[in-house]
Amino acid sequence: MNITMTQPAFKWFLEEMNLNKEDTVRFYVRYGGSPQLIAGFSIGIEVSDPSTPAVTMEMDGITFFIEEKDAWYFKDHSLHIKFSRKINEIEFEYVQD
């Protein structure tokens, strides 16, 4: 499991979440929302300090991570985040490892 992100998606995070260097952003599993990888669950995003990260990715001084307790959701998949110019939002892709 890895986290990858396009530069336009990173720019979206900077602008939408007002991120600064050394901030840490968590991707977590939440109940409900638009189903993505597993029906009934979706990905949430929050600025939060890591406790027991399963995977981290650093980009220009900002760390993105998934906690061990949320790793079950990805089941042999990596998380790729890209920006859609069509909907002006980020999109999650799940890439089979």
N, C-alpha and C. Protein backbone atom coordinates (compact mmCIF):
# COMPACT_ATOMS: atom_id res chain seq x y z
N MET A 1 0.85 -1.18 0.00
CA MET A 1 0.00 0.00 0.00
C MET A 1 0.89 1.24 0.00
N ASN A 2 0.58 2.14 -0.90
CA ASN A 2 1.29 3.41 -1.01
C ASN A 2 0.28 4.53 -1.20
N ILE A 3 0.76 5.75 -1.04
CA ILE A 3 -0.02 6.94 -1.37
C ILE A 3 0.75 7.68 -2.45
N THR A 4 0.09 8.01 -3.55
CA THR A 4 0.68 8.84 -4.59
C THR A 4 -0.30 9.97 -4.90
N MET A 5 0.25 11.06 -5.42
CA MET A 5 -0.58 12.23 -5.66
C MET A 5 0.00 13.05 -6.81
N THR A 6 -0.88 13.56 -7.66
CA THR A 6 -0.44 14.44 -8.74
C THR A 6 -0.17 15.83 -8.17
N GLN A 7 0.61 16.61 -8.89
CA GLN A 7 0.91 17.98 -8.47
C GLN A 7 -0.37 18.83 -8.41
N PRO A 8 -1.29 18.74 -9.39
CA PRO A 8 -2.53 19.51 -9.28
C PRO A 8 -3.37 19.13 -8.05
N ALA A 9 -3.36 17.86 -7.67
CA ALA A 9 -4.08 17.45 -6.46
C ALA A 9 -3.42 18.04 -5.22
N PHE A 10 -2.09 18.05 -5.20
CA PHE A 10 -1.37 18.64 -4.08
C PHE A 10 -1.70 20.13 -3.97
N LYS A 11 -1.76 20.81 -5.08
CA LYS A 11 -2.12 22.24 -5.08
C LYS A 11 -3.53 22.43 -4.50
N TRP A 12 -4.46 21.53 -4.84
CA TRP A 12 -5.81 21.60 -4.31
C TRP A 12 -5.78 21.51 -2.78
N PHE A 13 -5.00 20.56 -2.25
CA PHE A 13 -4.89 20.42 -0.79
C PHE A 13 -4.35 21.70 -0.16
N LEU A 14 -3.31 22.27 -0.76
CA LEU A 14 -2.73 23.51 -0.22
C LEU A 14 -3.77 24.61 -0.13
N GLU A 15 -4.53 24.78 -1.20
CA GLU A 15 -5.49 25.87 -1.26
C GLU A 15 -6.75 25.60 -0.43
N GLU A 16 -7.32 24.42 -0.55
CA GLU A 16 -8.59 24.11 0.12
C GLU A 16 -8.44 23.91 1.62
N MET A 17 -7.28 23.40 2.05
CA MET A 17 -7.10 23.10 3.47
C MET A 17 -6.14 24.07 4.14
N ASN A 18 -5.69 25.08 3.39
CA ASN A 18 -4.77 26.10 3.94
C ASN A 18 -3.58 25.45 4.64
N LEU A 19 -2.93 24.53 3.96
CA LEU A 19 -1.83 23.79 4.56
C LEU A 19 -0.54 24.59 4.57
N ASN A 20 0.27 24.32 5.59
CA ASN A 20 1.60 24.90 5.72
C ASN A 20 2.61 23.77 5.84
N LYS A 21 3.87 24.09 5.58
CA LYS A 21 4.93 23.09 5.73
C LYS A 21 4.84 22.48 7.12
N GLU A 22 5.11 21.19 7.19
CA GLU A 22 5.09 20.38 8.41
C GLU A 22 3.68 19.99 8.86
N ASP A 23 2.63 20.41 8.13
CA ASP A 23 1.29 19.92 8.44
C ASP A 23 1.21 18.44 8.06
N THR A 24 0.31 17.73 8.71
CA THR A 24 0.09 16.32 8.42
C THR A 24 -1.38 16.09 8.12
N VAL A 25 -1.65 15.37 7.04
CA VAL A 25 -3.01 15.15 6.56
C VAL A 25 -3.31 13.65 6.59
N ARG A 26 -4.40 13.32 7.25
CA ARG A 26 -4.80 11.92 7.40
C ARG A 26 -5.94 11.58 6.44
N PHE A 27 -5.81 10.43 5.78
CA PHE A 27 -6.91 9.83 5.03
C PHE A 27 -7.46 8.73 5.92
N TYR A 28 -8.75 8.79 6.22
CA TYR A 28 -9.34 7.82 7.13
C TYR A 28 -10.63 7.25 6.54
N VAL A 29 -11.01 6.10 7.06
CA VAL A 29 -12.22 5.42 6.61
C VAL A 29 -13.40 5.98 7.39
N ARG A 30 -14.45 6.31 6.67
CA ARG A 30 -15.67 6.78 7.34
C ARG A 30 -16.86 6.00 6.81
N TYR A 31 -17.86 5.90 7.64
CA TYR A 31 -19.08 5.20 7.27
C TYR A 31 -19.95 6.14 6.45
N GLY A 32 -20.45 5.66 5.33
CA GLY A 32 -21.31 6.48 4.48
C GLY A 32 -20.51 7.23 3.43
N GLY A 33 -21.14 8.23 2.85
CA GLY A 33 -20.52 8.97 1.76
C GLY A 33 -20.68 8.22 0.46
N SER A 34 -20.04 8.72 -0.57
CA SER A 34 -20.10 8.06 -1.87
C SER A 34 -19.24 6.81 -1.83
N PRO A 35 -19.82 5.63 -2.06
CA PRO A 35 -19.03 4.40 -2.01
C PRO A 35 -17.89 4.45 -3.03
N GLN A 36 -16.75 3.94 -2.61
CA GLN A 36 -15.61 3.95 -3.50
C GLN A 36 -15.04 2.55 -3.64
N LEU A 37 -14.29 2.10 -2.67
CA LEU A 37 -13.66 0.79 -2.76
C LEU A 37 -14.53 -0.30 -2.13
N ILE A 38 -15.15 0.02 -1.01
CA ILE A 38 -16.03 -0.93 -0.30
C ILE A 38 -17.37 -0.24 -0.07
N ALA A 39 -18.45 -0.89 -0.48
CA ALA A 39 -19.78 -0.31 -0.33
C ALA A 39 -20.06 0.06 1.13
N GLY A 40 -20.64 1.24 1.33
CA GLY A 40 -20.99 1.70 2.66
C GLY A 40 -19.92 2.53 3.35
N PHE A 41 -18.74 2.61 2.73
CA PHE A 41 -17.63 3.36 3.32
C PHE A 41 -17.02 4.30 2.28
N SER A 42 -16.37 5.34 2.77
CA SER A 42 -15.67 6.26 1.88
C SER A 42 -14.46 6.82 2.64
N ILE A 43 -13.70 7.65 1.97
CA ILE A 43 -12.50 8.23 2.55
C ILE A 43 -12.80 9.63 3.07
N GLY A 44 -12.35 9.89 4.28
CA GLY A 44 -12.41 11.23 4.86
C GLY A 44 -11.01 11.82 4.89
N ILE A 45 -10.94 13.13 5.05
CA ILE A 45 -9.66 13.83 5.08
C ILE A 45 -9.68 14.78 6.27
N GLU A 46 -8.58 14.80 7.03
CA GLU A 46 -8.47 15.75 8.13
C GLU A 46 -7.00 16.09 8.38
N VAL A 47 -6.77 17.27 8.90
CA VAL A 47 -5.43 17.64 9.36
C VAL A 47 -5.31 17.06 10.76
N SER A 48 -4.35 16.17 10.94
CA SER A 48 -4.23 15.43 12.19
C SER A 48 -2.81 14.89 12.31
N ASP A 49 -2.34 14.72 13.54
CA ASP A 49 -1.02 14.14 13.76
C ASP A 49 -1.11 12.62 13.70
N PRO A 50 -0.12 11.97 13.09
CA PRO A 50 -0.14 10.51 13.02
C PRO A 50 0.10 9.87 14.39
N SER A 51 -0.54 8.74 14.60
CA SER A 51 -0.37 7.96 15.82
C SER A 51 0.42 6.70 15.49
N THR A 52 -0.17 5.83 14.67
CA THR A 52 0.51 4.62 14.19
C THR A 52 0.26 4.50 12.69
N PRO A 53 1.01 5.27 11.90
CA PRO A 53 0.76 5.26 10.46
C PRO A 53 1.16 3.94 9.81
N ALA A 54 0.30 3.48 8.90
CA ALA A 54 0.60 2.29 8.09
C ALA A 54 1.43 2.69 6.88
N VAL A 55 1.17 3.88 6.38
CA VAL A 55 1.89 4.39 5.21
C VAL A 55 1.91 5.91 5.28
N THR A 56 3.02 6.50 4.85
CA THR A 56 3.14 7.96 4.78
C THR A 56 3.70 8.35 3.42
N MET A 57 3.42 9.57 3.03
CA MET A 57 3.97 10.13 1.81
C MET A 57 4.20 11.62 2.07
N GLU A 58 5.41 12.09 1.78
CA GLU A 58 5.74 13.49 2.01
C GLU A 58 5.86 14.21 0.67
N MET A 59 5.30 15.40 0.61
CA MET A 59 5.38 16.21 -0.60
C MET A 59 5.58 17.67 -0.18
N ASP A 60 6.71 18.23 -0.56
CA ASP A 60 7.03 19.63 -0.25
C ASP A 60 6.80 19.98 1.22
N GLY A 61 7.23 19.11 2.12
CA GLY A 61 7.16 19.40 3.55
C GLY A 61 5.85 19.06 4.22
N ILE A 62 4.89 18.54 3.48
CA ILE A 62 3.60 18.15 4.05
C ILE A 62 3.50 16.63 3.98
N THR A 63 3.11 16.02 5.09
CA THR A 63 3.01 14.57 5.16
C THR A 63 1.55 14.13 5.07
N PHE A 64 1.30 13.17 4.21
CA PHE A 64 -0.02 12.55 4.05
C PHE A 64 0.11 11.12 4.57
N PHE A 65 -0.90 10.64 5.28
CA PHE A 65 -0.77 9.31 5.88
C PHE A 65 -2.10 8.60 6.05
N ILE A 66 -1.99 7.29 6.24
CA ILE A 66 -3.12 6.42 6.57
C ILE A 66 -2.71 5.67 7.83
N GLU A 67 -3.57 5.69 8.84
CA GLU A 67 -3.28 4.98 10.09
C GLU A 67 -3.46 3.47 9.90
N GLU A 68 -2.76 2.70 10.73
CA GLU A 68 -2.88 1.24 10.69
C GLU A 68 -4.33 0.80 10.85
N LYS A 69 -5.09 1.47 11.72
CA LYS A 69 -6.48 1.06 11.96
C LYS A 69 -7.38 1.25 10.75
N ASP A 70 -6.93 2.02 9.75
CA ASP A 70 -7.71 2.23 8.53
C ASP A 70 -7.17 1.44 7.33
N ALA A 71 -6.07 0.73 7.53
CA ALA A 71 -5.42 0.01 6.41
C ALA A 71 -6.31 -1.09 5.84
N TRP A 72 -7.19 -1.67 6.64
CA TRP A 72 -8.07 -2.76 6.17
C TRP A 72 -8.88 -2.35 4.94
N TYR A 73 -9.24 -1.09 4.88
CA TYR A 73 -10.10 -0.60 3.80
C TYR A 73 -9.44 -0.75 2.43
N PHE A 74 -8.14 -0.64 2.39
CA PHE A 74 -7.43 -0.60 1.11
C PHE A 74 -7.14 -1.98 0.53
N LYS A 75 -7.23 -3.04 1.31
CA LYS A 75 -7.10 -4.42 0.85
C LYS A 75 -6.22 -4.60 -0.39
N ASP A 76 -4.94 -4.55 -0.24
CA ASP A 76 -4.00 -4.76 -1.35
C ASP A 76 -4.13 -3.71 -2.45
N HIS A 77 -4.50 -2.51 -2.09
CA HIS A 77 -4.58 -1.40 -3.04
C HIS A 77 -3.74 -0.23 -2.53
N SER A 78 -3.23 0.55 -3.45
CA SER A 78 -2.59 1.82 -3.12
C SER A 78 -3.57 2.93 -3.44
N LEU A 79 -3.41 4.05 -2.76
CA LEU A 79 -4.27 5.21 -2.95
C LEU A 79 -3.57 6.22 -3.85
N HIS A 80 -4.21 6.55 -4.96
CA HIS A 80 -3.69 7.59 -5.86
C HIS A 80 -4.71 8.73 -5.87
N ILE A 81 -4.23 9.95 -5.64
CA ILE A 81 -5.11 11.11 -5.61
C ILE A 81 -4.77 11.99 -6.80
N LYS A 82 -5.79 12.33 -7.57
CA LYS A 82 -5.59 13.21 -8.71
C LYS A 82 -6.64 14.32 -8.67
N PHE A 83 -6.42 15.35 -9.45
CA PHE A 83 -7.35 16.47 -9.53
C PHE A 83 -8.11 16.40 -10.84
N SER A 84 -9.43 16.51 -10.75
CA SER A 84 -10.26 16.52 -11.95
C SER A 84 -10.62 17.96 -12.30
N ARG A 85 -10.15 18.41 -13.44
CA ARG A 85 -10.50 19.76 -13.89
C ARG A 85 -11.98 19.83 -14.27
N LYS A 86 -12.54 18.70 -14.66
CA LYS A 86 -13.95 18.65 -15.06
C LYS A 86 -14.88 18.99 -13.90
N ILE A 87 -14.60 18.44 -12.72
CA ILE A 87 -15.47 18.71 -11.56
C ILE A 87 -14.80 19.63 -10.53
N ASN A 88 -13.56 20.04 -10.81
CA ASN A 88 -12.82 20.97 -9.95
C ASN A 88 -12.67 20.43 -8.52
N GLU A 89 -12.40 19.13 -8.42
CA GLU A 89 -12.25 18.45 -7.13
C GLU A 89 -11.18 17.37 -7.26
N ILE A 90 -10.72 16.89 -6.11
CA ILE A 90 -9.82 15.74 -6.14
C ILE A 90 -10.64 14.47 -6.33
N GLU A 91 -9.97 13.45 -6.85
CA GLU A 91 -10.59 12.13 -7.03
C GLU A 91 -9.62 11.09 -6.48
N PHE A 92 -10.18 10.05 -5.89
CA PHE A 92 -9.38 8.94 -5.39
C PHE A 92 -9.43 7.79 -6.38
N GLU A 93 -8.27 7.21 -6.62
CA GLU A 93 -8.18 5.99 -7.42
C GLU A 93 -7.52 4.93 -6.56
N TYR A 94 -7.99 3.72 -6.69
CA TYR A 94 -7.44 2.60 -5.93
C TYR A 94 -6.73 1.69 -6.91
N VAL A 95 -5.41 1.59 -6.77
CA VAL A 95 -4.57 0.85 -7.70
C VAL A 95 -4.19 -0.47 -7.06
N GLN A 96 -4.51 -1.58 -7.73
CA GLN A 96 -4.17 -2.91 -7.22
C GLN A 96 -2.67 -3.03 -7.05
N ASP A 97 -2.22 -3.48 -5.87
CA ASP A 97 -0.78 -3.66 -5.62
C ASP A 97 -0.27 -4.94 -6.26
